[in-house]
């Protein structure tokens, strides 16, 4: 099975137990002093079925993204965008939607690395 790579912030999910069944490559915790502002970032390999499960648990005003070959899938609560890695024009709708729900521009970079 050819899996997608993904970046998931635990705090973006309404039930973080869905992370328990994923093939996790790495977990990073941000270094904010205030623990309420810390993020637990999971880099994982996911099937399309697992991506759908993550999408169903995504909280409002958050997003997750997954990449494979030359495609990026960006998921917001109730919204899905498919981007072409090589064509930044295809990124505009996802970025504009993220901005419209108050996600800071610098967080809408859709990094594709572990």
PDB file of N, CA and C in Angstrom:
ATOM      1  N   UNK A   1       0.849  -1.192   0.000  1.00  0.00           N
ATOM      2  CA  UNK A   1       0.000   0.000   0.000  1.00  0.00           C
ATOM      3  C   UNK A   1       0.885   1.242   0.000  1.00  0.00           C
ATOM      4  N   UNK A   2       0.601   2.158  -0.878  1.00  0.00           N
ATOM      5  CA  UNK A   2       1.348   3.397  -0.985  1.00  0.00           C
ATOM      6  C   UNK A   2       0.709   4.440  -0.070  1.00  0.00           C
ATOM      7  N   UNK A   3       1.335   4.688   1.086  1.00  0.00           N
ATOM      8  CA  UNK A   3       0.733   5.578   2.075  1.00  0.00           C
ATOM      9  C   UNK A   3       1.120   7.036   1.858  1.00  0.00           C
ATOM     10  N   UNK A   4       0.282   7.899   2.392  1.00  0.00           N
ATOM     11  CA  UNK A   4       0.527   9.332   2.408  1.00  0.00           C
ATOM     12  C   UNK A   4       1.355   9.664   3.639  1.00  0.00           C
ATOM     13  N   UNK A   5       2.207  10.660   3.553  1.00  0.00           N
ATOM     14  CA  UNK A   5       2.892  11.207   4.719  1.00  0.00           C
ATOM     15  C   UNK A   5       2.010  12.325   5.244  1.00  0.00           C
ATOM     16  N   UNK A   6       2.016  12.511   6.558  1.00  0.00           N
ATOM     17  CA  UNK A   6       1.169  13.554   7.103  1.00  0.00           C
ATOM     18  C   UNK A   6       1.717  14.196   8.344  1.00  0.00           C
ATOM     19  N   UNK A   7       1.224  15.382   8.604  1.00  0.00           N
ATOM     20  CA  UNK A   7       1.591  16.172   9.770  1.00  0.00           C
ATOM     21  C   UNK A   7       0.301  16.482  10.527  1.00  0.00           C
ATOM     22  N   UNK A   8       0.200  15.962  11.756  1.00  0.00           N
ATOM     23  CA  UNK A   8      -1.039  16.097  12.531  1.00  0.00           C
ATOM     24  C   UNK A   8      -0.704  16.686  13.902  1.00  0.00           C
ATOM     25  N   UNK A   9      -1.368  17.757  14.255  1.00  0.00           N
ATOM     26  CA  UNK A   9      -1.219  18.343  15.587  1.00  0.00           C
ATOM     27  C   UNK A   9      -2.278  17.698  16.484  1.00  0.00           C
ATOM     28  N   UNK A  10      -1.823  17.049  17.540  1.00  0.00           N
ATOM     29  CA  UNK A  10      -2.759  16.342  18.437  1.00  0.00           C
ATOM     30  C   UNK A  10      -3.872  17.254  18.925  1.00  0.00           C
ATOM     31  N   UNK A  11      -3.547  18.492  19.224  1.00  0.00           N
ATOM     32  CA  UNK A  11      -4.522  19.435  19.764  1.00  0.00           C
ATOM     33  C   UNK A  11      -5.592  19.826  18.739  1.00  0.00           C
ATOM     34  N   UNK A  12      -5.389  19.464  17.476  1.00  0.00           N
ATOM     35  CA  UNK A  12      -6.366  19.782  16.432  1.00  0.00           C
ATOM     36  C   UNK A  12      -7.518  18.784  16.382  1.00  0.00           C
ATOM     37  N   UNK A  13      -7.403  17.714  17.157  1.00  0.00           N
ATOM     38  CA  UNK A  13      -8.385  16.624  17.089  1.00  0.00           C
ATOM     39  C   UNK A  13      -9.330  16.630  18.279  1.00  0.00           C
ATOM     40  N   UNK A  14     -10.588  16.277  18.037  1.00  0.00           N
ATOM     41  CA  UNK A  14     -11.552  16.188  19.140  1.00  0.00           C
ATOM     42  C   UNK A  14     -11.412  14.876  19.909  1.00  0.00           C
ATOM     43  N   UNK A  15     -10.674  13.916  19.370  1.00  0.00           N
ATOM     44  CA  UNK A  15     -10.391  12.653  20.066  1.00  0.00           C
ATOM     45  C   UNK A  15      -9.012  12.180  19.620  1.00  0.00           C
ATOM     46  N   UNK A  16      -8.014  12.450  20.439  1.00  0.00           N
ATOM     47  CA  UNK A  16      -6.635  12.139  20.055  1.00  0.00           C
ATOM     48  C   UNK A  16      -6.340  10.636  20.062  1.00  0.00           C
ATOM     49  N   UNK A  17      -7.260   9.824  20.546  1.00  0.00           N
ATOM     50  CA  UNK A  17      -7.032   8.366  20.533  1.00  0.00           C
ATOM     51  C   UNK A  17      -6.913   7.827  19.114  1.00  0.00           C
ATOM     52  N   UNK A  18      -7.405   8.558  18.117  1.00  0.00           N
ATOM     53  CA  UNK A  18      -7.278   8.094  16.727  1.00  0.00           C
ATOM     54  C   UNK A  18      -5.814   8.027  16.299  1.00  0.00           C
ATOM     55  N   UNK A  19      -4.942   8.723  16.998  1.00  0.00           N
ATOM     56  CA  UNK A  19      -3.515   8.683  16.683  1.00  0.00           C
ATOM     57  C   UNK A  19      -2.880   7.347  17.083  1.00  0.00           C
ATOM     58  N   UNK A  20      -3.508   6.626  18.006  1.00  0.00           N
ATOM     59  CA  UNK A  20      -2.930   5.391  18.535  1.00  0.00           C
ATOM     60  C   UNK A  20      -2.713   4.311  17.481  1.00  0.00           C
ATOM     61  N   UNK A  21      -3.504   4.310  16.426  1.00  0.00           N
ATOM     62  CA  UNK A  21      -3.420   3.251  15.429  1.00  0.00           C
ATOM     63  C   UNK A  21      -2.609   3.630  14.198  1.00  0.00           C
ATOM     64  N   UNK A  22      -1.990   4.794  14.217  1.00  0.00           N
ATOM     65  CA  UNK A  22      -1.234   5.252  13.055  1.00  0.00           C
ATOM     66  C   UNK A  22       0.212   4.766  13.101  1.00  0.00           C
ATOM     67  N   UNK A  23       0.811   4.698  11.934  1.00  0.00           N
ATOM     68  CA  UNK A  23       2.238   4.402  11.815  1.00  0.00           C
ATOM     69  C   UNK A  23       2.973   5.739  11.972  1.00  0.00           C
ATOM     70  N   UNK A  24       3.451   6.004  13.185  1.00  0.00           N
ATOM     71  CA  UNK A  24       4.062   7.296  13.513  1.00  0.00           C
ATOM     72  C   UNK A  24       5.571   7.209  13.308  1.00  0.00           C
ATOM     73  N   UNK A  25       6.104   8.158  12.545  1.00  0.00           N
ATOM     74  CA  UNK A  25       7.538   8.208  12.287  1.00  0.00           C
ATOM     75  C   UNK A  25       8.260   9.053  13.332  1.00  0.00           C
ATOM     76  N   UNK A  26       7.567  10.089  13.828  1.00  0.00           N
ATOM     77  CA  UNK A  26       8.219  11.043  14.729  1.00  0.00           C
ATOM     78  C   UNK A  26       7.152  11.847  15.457  1.00  0.00           C
ATOM     79  N   UNK A  27       7.453  12.211  16.699  1.00  0.00           N
ATOM     80  CA  UNK A  27       6.589  13.107  17.463  1.00  0.00           C
ATOM     81  C   UNK A  27       7.467  14.242  17.983  1.00  0.00           C
ATOM     82  N   UNK A  28       6.971  15.453  17.818  1.00  0.00           N
ATOM     83  CA  UNK A  28       7.707  16.620  18.311  1.00  0.00           C
ATOM     84  C   UNK A  28       6.758  17.446  19.167  1.00  0.00           C
ATOM     85  N   UNK A  29       7.274  17.957  20.265  1.00  0.00           N
ATOM     86  CA  UNK A  29       6.482  18.823  21.150  1.00  0.00           C
ATOM     87  C   UNK A  29       7.102  20.213  21.081  1.00  0.00           C
ATOM     88  N   UNK A  30       6.269  21.217  20.807  1.00  0.00           N
ATOM     89  CA  UNK A  30       6.786  22.580  20.735  1.00  0.00           C
ATOM     90  C   UNK A  30       7.233  23.023  22.123  1.00  0.00           C
ATOM     91  N   UNK A  31       8.014  24.078  22.176  1.00  0.00           N
ATOM     92  CA  UNK A  31       8.700  24.431  23.420  1.00  0.00           C
ATOM     93  C   UNK A  31       8.101  25.610  24.188  1.00  0.00           C
ATOM     94  N   UNK A  32       6.847  25.954  23.927  1.00  0.00           N
ATOM     95  CA  UNK A  32       6.229  27.061  24.666  1.00  0.00           C
ATOM     96  C   UNK A  32       6.259  26.782  26.176  1.00  0.00           C
ATOM     97  N   UNK A  33       6.524  27.829  26.951  1.00  0.00           N
ATOM     98  CA  UNK A  33       6.549  27.694  28.413  1.00  0.00           C
ATOM     99  C   UNK A  33       5.177  27.319  28.968  1.00  0.00           C
ATOM    100  N   UNK A  34       4.146  27.932  28.428  1.00  0.00           N
ATOM    101  CA  UNK A  34       2.773  27.670  28.854  1.00  0.00           C
ATOM    102  C   UNK A  34       2.316  26.356  28.214  1.00  0.00           C
ATOM    103  N   UNK A  35       2.091  25.349  29.035  1.00  0.00           N
ATOM    104  CA  UNK A  35       1.734  24.024  28.495  1.00  0.00           C
ATOM    105  C   UNK A  35       0.431  24.054  27.694  1.00  0.00           C
ATOM    106  N   UNK A  36      -0.436  25.001  27.966  1.00  0.00           N
ATOM    107  CA  UNK A  36      -1.689  25.111  27.214  1.00  0.00           C
ATOM    108  C   UNK A  36      -1.450  25.550  25.772  1.00  0.00           C
ATOM    109  N   UNK A  37      -0.280  26.131  25.502  1.00  0.00           N
ATOM    110  CA  UNK A  37       0.046  26.592  24.160  1.00  0.00           C
ATOM    111  C   UNK A  37       0.973  25.633  23.419  1.00  0.00           C
ATOM    112  N   UNK A  38       1.369  24.545  24.062  1.00  0.00           N
ATOM    113  CA  UNK A  38       2.250  23.561  23.432  1.00  0.00           C
ATOM    114  C   UNK A  38       1.488  22.680  22.465  1.00  0.00           C
ATOM    115  N   UNK A  39       2.115  22.348  21.357  1.00  0.00           N
ATOM    116  CA  UNK A  39       1.540  21.430  20.383  1.00  0.00           C
ATOM    117  C   UNK A  39       2.339  20.137  20.373  1.00  0.00           C
ATOM    118  N   UNK A  40       1.641  19.030  20.165  1.00  0.00           N
ATOM    119  CA  UNK A  40       2.241  17.711  19.980  1.00  0.00           C
ATOM    120  C   UNK A  40       2.040  17.368  18.508  1.00  0.00           C
ATOM    121  N   UNK A  41       3.130  17.390  17.742  1.00  0.00           N
ATOM    122  CA  UNK A  41       3.055  17.239  16.292  1.00  0.00           C
ATOM    123  C   UNK A  41       3.510  15.834  15.898  1.00  0.00           C
ATOM    124  N   UNK A  42       2.609  15.118  15.234  1.00  0.00           N
ATOM    125  CA  UNK A  42       2.864  13.744  14.808  1.00  0.00           C
ATOM    126  C   UNK A  42       3.146  13.728  13.312  1.00  0.00           C
ATOM    127  N   UNK A  43       4.253  13.127  12.948  1.00  0.00           N
ATOM    128  CA  UNK A  43       4.551  12.857  11.541  1.00  0.00           C
ATOM    129  C   UNK A  43       4.266  11.378  11.342  1.00  0.00           C
ATOM    130  N   UNK A  44       3.378  11.067  10.407  1.00  0.00           N
ATOM    131  CA  UNK A  44       2.902   9.694  10.276  1.00  0.00           C
ATOM    132  C   UNK A  44       2.704   9.307   8.816  1.00  0.00           C
ATOM    133  N   UNK A  45       2.557   8.014   8.609  1.00  0.00           N
ATOM    134  CA  UNK A  45       2.220   7.445   7.313  1.00  0.00           C
ATOM    135  C   UNK A  45       0.781   6.952   7.416  1.00  0.00           C
ATOM    136  N   UNK A  46      -0.072   7.378   6.479  1.00  0.00           N
ATOM    137  CA  UNK A  46      -1.500   7.074   6.577  1.00  0.00           C
ATOM    138  C   UNK A  46      -2.068   6.556   5.264  1.00  0.00           C
ATOM    139  N   UNK A  47      -3.031   5.654   5.412  1.00  0.00           N
ATOM    140  CA  UNK A  47      -3.818   5.205   4.261  1.00  0.00           C
ATOM    141  C   UNK A  47      -4.922   6.240   4.020  1.00  0.00           C
ATOM    142  N   UNK A  48      -5.599   6.135   2.892  1.00  0.00           N
ATOM    143  CA  UNK A  48      -6.707   7.060   2.623  1.00  0.00           C
ATOM    144  C   UNK A  48      -7.824   6.875   3.650  1.00  0.00           C
ATOM    145  N   UNK A  49      -8.038   5.659   4.112  1.00  0.00           N
ATOM    146  CA  UNK A  49      -9.044   5.385   5.141  1.00  0.00           C
ATOM    147  C   UNK A  49      -8.680   6.098   6.450  1.00  0.00           C
ATOM    148  N   UNK A  50      -7.406   6.039   6.832  1.00  0.00           N
ATOM    149  CA  UNK A  50      -6.959   6.706   8.060  1.00  0.00           C
ATOM    150  C   UNK A  50      -7.066   8.222   7.931  1.00  0.00           C
ATOM    151  N   UNK A  51      -6.815   8.746   6.739  1.00  0.00           N
ATOM    152  CA  UNK A  51      -6.963  10.188   6.510  1.00  0.00           C
ATOM    153  C   UNK A  51      -8.417  10.600   6.717  1.00  0.00           C
ATOM    154  N   UNK A  52      -9.348   9.804   6.231  1.00  0.00           N
ATOM    155  CA  UNK A  52     -10.775  10.104   6.421  1.00  0.00           C
ATOM    156  C   UNK A  52     -11.148  10.112   7.902  1.00  0.00           C
ATOM    157  N   UNK A  53     -10.581   9.195   8.668  1.00  0.00           N
ATOM    158  CA  UNK A  53     -10.850   9.147  10.117  1.00  0.00           C
ATOM    159  C   UNK A  53     -10.320  10.405  10.792  1.00  0.00           C
ATOM    160  N   UNK A  54      -9.082  10.781  10.466  1.00  0.00           N
ATOM    161  CA  UNK A  54      -8.501  12.008  11.029  1.00  0.00           C
ATOM    162  C   UNK A  54      -9.386  13.205  10.670  1.00  0.00           C
ATOM    163  N   UNK A  55      -9.818  13.286   9.411  1.00  0.00           N
ATOM    164  CA  UNK A  55     -10.657  14.395   8.959  1.00  0.00           C
ATOM    165  C   UNK A  55     -11.947  14.480   9.775  1.00  0.00           C
ATOM    166  N   UNK A  56     -12.522  13.339  10.095  1.00  0.00           N
ATOM    167  CA  UNK A  56     -13.791  13.337  10.840  1.00  0.00           C
ATOM    168  C   UNK A  56     -13.621  13.801  12.287  1.00  0.00           C
ATOM    169  N   UNK A  57     -12.382  13.836  12.775  1.00  0.00           N
ATOM    170  CA  UNK A  57     -12.126  14.265  14.160  1.00  0.00           C
ATOM    171  C   UNK A  57     -11.464  15.636  14.251  1.00  0.00           C
ATOM    172  N   UNK A  58     -11.356  16.325  13.132  1.00  0.00           N
ATOM    173  CA  UNK A  58     -10.689  17.620  13.101  1.00  0.00           C
ATOM    174  C   UNK A  58     -11.577  18.707  13.716  1.00  0.00           C
ATOM    175  N   UNK A  59     -10.990  19.496  14.584  1.00  0.00           N
ATOM    176  CA  UNK A  59     -11.710  20.609  15.204  1.00  0.00           C
ATOM    177  C   UNK A  59     -11.796  21.801  14.247  1.00  0.00           C
ATOM    178  N   UNK A  60     -12.768  22.659  14.512  1.00  0.00           N
ATOM    179  CA  UNK A  60     -12.925  23.905  13.754  1.00  0.00           C
ATOM    180  C   UNK A  60     -11.671  24.761  13.927  1.00  0.00           C
ATOM    181  N   UNK A  61     -11.309  25.493  12.890  1.00  0.00           N
ATOM    182  CA  UNK A  61     -10.174  26.429  12.889  1.00  0.00           C
ATOM    183  C   UNK A  61      -8.805  25.751  12.972  1.00  0.00           C
ATOM    184  N   UNK A  62      -8.734  24.492  12.581  1.00  0.00           N
ATOM    185  CA  UNK A  62      -7.470  23.762  12.476  1.00  0.00           C
ATOM    186  C   UNK A  62      -7.412  23.124  11.091  1.00  0.00           C
ATOM    187  N   UNK A  63      -6.232  22.673  10.720  1.00  0.00           N
ATOM    188  CA  UNK A  63      -6.113  21.893   9.489  1.00  0.00           C
ATOM    189  C   UNK A  63      -5.046  20.818   9.676  1.00  0.00           C
ATOM    190  N   UNK A  64      -5.094  19.834   8.805  1.00  0.00           N
ATOM    191  CA  UNK A  64      -4.044  18.823   8.691  1.00  0.00           C
ATOM    192  C   UNK A  64      -3.694  18.733   7.209  1.00  0.00           C
ATOM    193  N   UNK A  65      -2.503  18.246   6.937  1.00  0.00           N
ATOM    194  CA  UNK A  65      -2.153  18.065   5.531  1.00  0.00           C
ATOM    195  C   UNK A  65      -1.329  16.798   5.343  1.00  0.00           C
ATOM    196  N   UNK A  66      -1.464  16.239   4.142  1.00  0.00           N
ATOM    197  CA  UNK A  66      -0.826  14.981   3.779  1.00  0.00           C
ATOM    198  C   UNK A  66      -0.259  15.122   2.380  1.00  0.00           C
ATOM    199  N   UNK A  67       0.837  14.434   2.089  1.00  0.00           N
ATOM    200  CA  UNK A  67       1.453  14.551   0.784  1.00  0.00           C
ATOM    201  C   UNK A  67       1.956  13.195   0.295  1.00  0.00           C
ATOM    202  N   UNK A  68       1.936  13.079  -1.020  1.00  0.00           N
ATOM    203  CA  UNK A  68       2.431  11.888  -1.697  1.00  0.00           C
ATOM    204  C   UNK A  68       2.752  12.295  -3.126  1.00  0.00           C
ATOM    205  N   UNK A  69       3.951  11.954  -3.570  1.00  0.00           N
ATOM    206  CA  UNK A  69       4.390  12.288  -4.923  1.00  0.00           C
ATOM    207  C   UNK A  69       4.222  13.786  -5.162  1.00  0.00           C
ATOM    208  N   UNK A  70       3.411  14.191  -6.113  1.00  0.00           N
ATOM    209  CA  UNK A  70       3.280  15.616  -6.420  1.00  0.00           C
ATOM    210  C   UNK A  70       1.958  16.209  -5.945  1.00  0.00           C
ATOM    211  N   UNK A  71       1.298  15.550  -4.985  1.00  0.00           N
ATOM    212  CA  UNK A  71       0.000  16.014  -4.466  1.00  0.00           C
ATOM    213  C   UNK A  71       0.080  16.296  -2.965  1.00  0.00           C
ATOM    214  N   UNK A  72      -0.689  17.297  -2.567  1.00  0.00           N
ATOM    215  CA  UNK A  72      -0.894  17.598  -1.150  1.00  0.00           C
ATOM    216  C   UNK A  72      -2.395  17.645  -0.928  1.00  0.00           C
ATOM    217  N   UNK A  73      -2.854  16.978   0.124  1.00  0.00           N
ATOM    218  CA  UNK A  73      -4.253  17.082   0.543  1.00  0.00           C
ATOM    219  C   UNK A  73      -4.261  17.947   1.803  1.00  0.00           C
ATOM    220  N   UNK A  74      -5.046  19.019   1.787  1.00  0.00           N
ATOM    221  CA  UNK A  74      -5.201  19.886   2.952  1.00  0.00           C
ATOM    222  C   UNK A  74      -6.644  19.765   3.404  1.00  0.00           C
ATOM    223  N   UNK A  75      -6.831  19.417   4.683  1.00  0.00           N
ATOM    224  CA  UNK A  75      -8.174  19.215   5.231  1.00  0.00           C
ATOM    225  C   UNK A  75      -8.448  20.192   6.361  1.00  0.00           C
ATOM    226  N   UNK A  76      -9.550  20.886   6.238  1.00  0.00           N
ATOM    227  CA  UNK A  76     -10.102  21.716   7.297  1.00  0.00           C
ATOM    228  C   UNK A  76     -11.416  21.045   7.694  1.00  0.00           C
ATOM    229  N   UNK A  77     -11.982  21.410   8.810  1.00  0.00           N
ATOM    230  CA  UNK A  77     -13.285  20.877   9.204  1.00  0.00           C
ATOM    231  C   UNK A  77     -14.285  21.126   8.071  1.00  0.00           C
ATOM    232  N   UNK A  78     -14.772  20.058   7.459  1.00  0.00           N
ATOM    233  CA  UNK A  78     -15.771  20.171   6.407  1.00  0.00           C
ATOM    234  C   UNK A  78     -15.254  20.611   5.047  1.00  0.00           C
ATOM    235  N   UNK A  79     -13.947  20.757   4.881  1.00  0.00           N
ATOM    236  CA  UNK A  79     -13.384  21.223   3.603  1.00  0.00           C
ATOM    237  C   UNK A  79     -12.166  20.389   3.230  1.00  0.00           C
ATOM    238  N   UNK A  80     -11.980  20.203   1.924  1.00  0.00           N
ATOM    239  CA  UNK A  80     -10.831  19.468   1.407  1.00  0.00           C
ATOM    240  C   UNK A  80     -10.283  20.198   0.187  1.00  0.00           C
ATOM    241  N   UNK A  81      -8.963  20.343   0.143  1.00  0.00           N
ATOM    242  CA  UNK A  81      -8.290  20.953  -0.989  1.00  0.00           C
ATOM    243  C   UNK A  81      -7.189  19.999  -1.454  1.00  0.00           C
ATOM    244  N   UNK A  82      -7.063  19.827  -2.760  1.00  0.00           N
ATOM    245  CA  UNK A  82      -5.991  19.022  -3.336  1.00  0.00           C
ATOM    246  C   UNK A  82      -5.076  19.978  -4.085  1.00  0.00           C
ATOM    247  N   UNK A  83      -3.798  19.988  -3.690  1.00  0.00           N
ATOM    248  CA  UNK A  83      -2.827  20.915  -4.249  1.00  0.00           C
ATOM    249  C   UNK A  83      -1.799  20.171  -5.087  1.00  0.00           C
ATOM    250  N   UNK A  84      -1.260  20.863  -6.068  1.00  0.00           N
ATOM    251  CA  UNK A  84      -0.164  20.350  -6.873  1.00  0.00           C
ATOM    252  C   UNK A  84       1.123  20.941  -6.292  1.00  0.00           C
ATOM    253  N   UNK A  85       2.039  20.083  -5.887  1.00  0.00           N
ATOM    254  CA  UNK A  85       3.285  20.533  -5.268  1.00  0.00           C
ATOM    255  C   UNK A  85       4.015  21.526  -6.163  1.00  0.00           C
ATOM    256  N   UNK A  86       4.005  21.294  -7.452  1.00  0.00           N
ATOM    257  CA  UNK A  86       4.787  22.094  -8.396  1.00  0.00           C
ATOM    258  C   UNK A  86       4.074  23.357  -8.868  1.00  0.00           C
ATOM    259  N   UNK A  87       2.790  23.509  -8.557  1.00  0.00           N
ATOM    260  CA  UNK A  87       2.028  24.651  -9.045  1.00  0.00           C
ATOM    261  C   UNK A  87       1.422  25.412  -7.861  1.00  0.00           C
ATOM    262  N   UNK A  88       2.115  26.449  -7.400  1.00  0.00           N
ATOM    263  CA  UNK A  88       1.670  27.214  -6.226  1.00  0.00           C
ATOM    264  C   UNK A  88       0.325  27.905  -6.450  1.00  0.00           C
ATOM    265  N   UNK A  89      -0.102  28.083  -7.699  1.00  0.00           N
ATOM    266  CA  UNK A  89      -1.425  28.649  -7.985  1.00  0.00           C
ATOM    267  C   UNK A  89      -2.518  27.783  -7.358  1.00  0.00           C
ATOM    268  N   UNK A  90      -2.292  26.459  -7.316  1.00  0.00           N
ATOM    269  CA  UNK A  90      -3.300  25.538  -6.771  1.00  0.00           C
ATOM    270  C   UNK A  90      -3.400  25.645  -5.255  1.00  0.00           C
ATOM    271  N   UNK A  91      -2.488  26.348  -4.624  1.00  0.00           N
ATOM    272  CA  UNK A  91      -2.470  26.505  -3.171  1.00  0.00           C
ATOM    273  C   UNK A  91      -3.366  27.658  -2.703  1.00  0.00           C
ATOM    274  N   UNK A  92      -3.692  28.580  -3.604  1.00  0.00           N
ATOM    275  CA  UNK A  92      -4.364  29.826  -3.216  1.00  0.00           C
ATOM    276  C   UNK A  92      -5.681  29.609  -2.480  1.00  0.00           C
ATOM    277  N   UNK A  93      -6.542  28.721  -2.967  1.00  0.00           N
ATOM    278  CA  UNK A  93      -7.848  28.525  -2.327  1.00  0.00           C
ATOM    279  C   UNK A  93      -7.695  27.992  -0.903  1.00  0.00           C
ATOM    280  N   UNK A  94      -6.763  27.059  -0.695  1.00  0.00           N
ATOM    281  CA  UNK A  94      -6.547  26.515   0.654  1.00  0.00           C
ATOM    282  C   UNK A  94      -6.001  27.590   1.583  1.00  0.00           C
ATOM    283  N   UNK A  95      -5.053  28.369   1.096  1.00  0.00           N
ATOM    284  CA  UNK A  95      -4.479  29.442   1.914  1.00  0.00           C
ATOM    285  C   UNK A  95      -5.549  30.486   2.239  1.00  0.00           C
ATOM    286  N   UNK A  96      -6.301  30.905   1.244  1.00  0.00           N
ATOM    287  CA  UNK A  96      -7.349  31.908   1.488  1.00  0.00           C
ATOM    288  C   UNK A  96      -8.406  31.396   2.452  1.00  0.00           C
ATOM    289  N   UNK A  97      -8.769  30.122   2.339  1.00  0.00           N
ATOM    290  CA  UNK A  97      -9.738  29.583   3.279  1.00  0.00           C
ATOM    291  C   UNK A  97      -9.156  29.578   4.695  1.00  0.00           C
ATOM    292  N   UNK A  98      -7.915  29.131   4.837  1.00  0.00           N
ATOM    293  CA  UNK A  98      -7.270  29.146   6.149  1.00  0.00           C
ATOM    294  C   UNK A  98      -7.237  30.531   6.754  1.00  0.00           C
ATOM    295  N   UNK A  99      -6.890  31.537   5.948  1.00  0.00           N
ATOM    296  CA  UNK A  99      -6.884  32.919   6.435  1.00  0.00           C
ATOM    297  C   UNK A  99      -8.282  33.352   6.861  1.00  0.00           C
ATOM    298  N   UNK A 100      -9.301  32.899   6.137  1.00  0.00           N
ATOM    299  CA  UNK A 100     -10.678  33.305   6.437  1.00  0.00           C
ATOM    300  C   UNK A 100     -11.168  32.749   7.777  1.00  0.00           C
ATOM    301  N   UNK A 101     -10.528  31.689   8.254  1.00  0.00           N
ATOM    302  CA  UNK A 101     -10.907  31.132   9.563  1.00  0.00           C
ATOM    303  C   UNK A 101      -9.842  31.441  10.616  1.00  0.00           C
ATOM    304  N   UNK A 102      -9.063  32.495  10.330  1.00  0.00           N
ATOM    305  CA  UNK A 102      -8.106  33.068  11.285  1.00  0.00           C
ATOM    306  C   UNK A 102      -6.885  32.204  11.595  1.00  0.00           C
ATOM    307  N   UNK A 103      -6.475  31.383  10.652  1.00  0.00           N
ATOM    308  CA  UNK A 103      -5.199  30.686  10.800  1.00  0.00           C
ATOM    309  C   UNK A 103      -4.122  31.649  10.292  1.00  0.00           C
ATOM    310  N   UNK A 104      -3.075  31.882  11.092  1.00  0.00           N
ATOM    311  CA  UNK A 104      -2.028  32.809  10.660  1.00  0.00           C
ATOM    312  C   UNK A 104      -1.357  32.357   9.353  1.00  0.00           C
ATOM    313  N   UNK A 105      -1.031  33.304   8.497  1.00  0.00           N
ATOM    314  CA  UNK A 105      -0.434  33.019   7.187  1.00  0.00           C
ATOM    315  C   UNK A 105       0.803  32.132   7.310  1.00  0.00           C
ATOM    316  N   UNK A 106       1.649  32.400   8.314  1.00  0.00           N
ATOM    317  CA  UNK A 106       2.896  31.629   8.453  1.00  0.00           C
ATOM    318  C   UNK A 106       2.643  30.152   8.786  1.00  0.00           C
ATOM    319  N   UNK A 107       1.444  29.822   9.253  1.00  0.00           N
ATOM    320  CA  UNK A 107       1.106  28.420   9.536  1.00  0.00           C
ATOM    321  C   UNK A 107       0.524  27.715   8.315  1.00  0.00           C
ATOM    322  N   UNK A 108       0.301  28.428   7.241  1.00  0.00           N
ATOM    323  CA  UNK A 108      -0.299  27.850   6.036  1.00  0.00           C
ATOM    324  C   UNK A 108       0.777  27.560   4.981  1.00  0.00           C
ATOM    325  N   UNK A 109       1.888  26.983   5.429  1.00  0.00           N
ATOM    326  CA  UNK A 109       3.013  26.704   4.537  1.00  0.00           C
ATOM    327  C   UNK A 109       3.021  25.271   4.011  1.00  0.00           C
ATOM    328  N   UNK A 110       2.233  24.380   4.618  1.00  0.00           N
ATOM    329  CA  UNK A 110       2.072  22.994   4.161  1.00  0.00           C
ATOM    330  C   UNK A 110       3.433  22.315   3.920  1.00  0.00           C
ATOM    331  N   UNK A 111       4.276  22.352   4.942  1.00  0.00           N
ATOM    332  CA  UNK A 111       5.592  21.737   4.842  1.00  0.00           C
ATOM    333  C   UNK A 111       5.490  20.243   4.533  1.00  0.00           C
ATOM    334  N   UNK A 112       6.412  19.763   3.725  1.00  0.00           N
ATOM    335  CA  UNK A 112       6.413  18.365   3.309  1.00  0.00           C
ATOM    336  C   UNK A 112       7.705  17.694   3.732  1.00  0.00           C
ATOM    337  N   UNK A 113       7.945  17.677   5.012  1.00  0.00           N
ATOM    338  CA  UNK A 113       9.159  17.039   5.517  1.00  0.00           C
ATOM    339  C   UNK A 113       8.905  16.518   6.921  1.00  0.00           C
ATOM    340  N   UNK A 114       9.662  15.537   7.265  1.00  0.00           N
ATOM    341  CA  UNK A 114       9.604  15.003   8.636  1.00  0.00           C
ATOM    342  C   UNK A 114      10.807  15.518   9.383  1.00  0.00           C
TER     343      UNK A 114
END
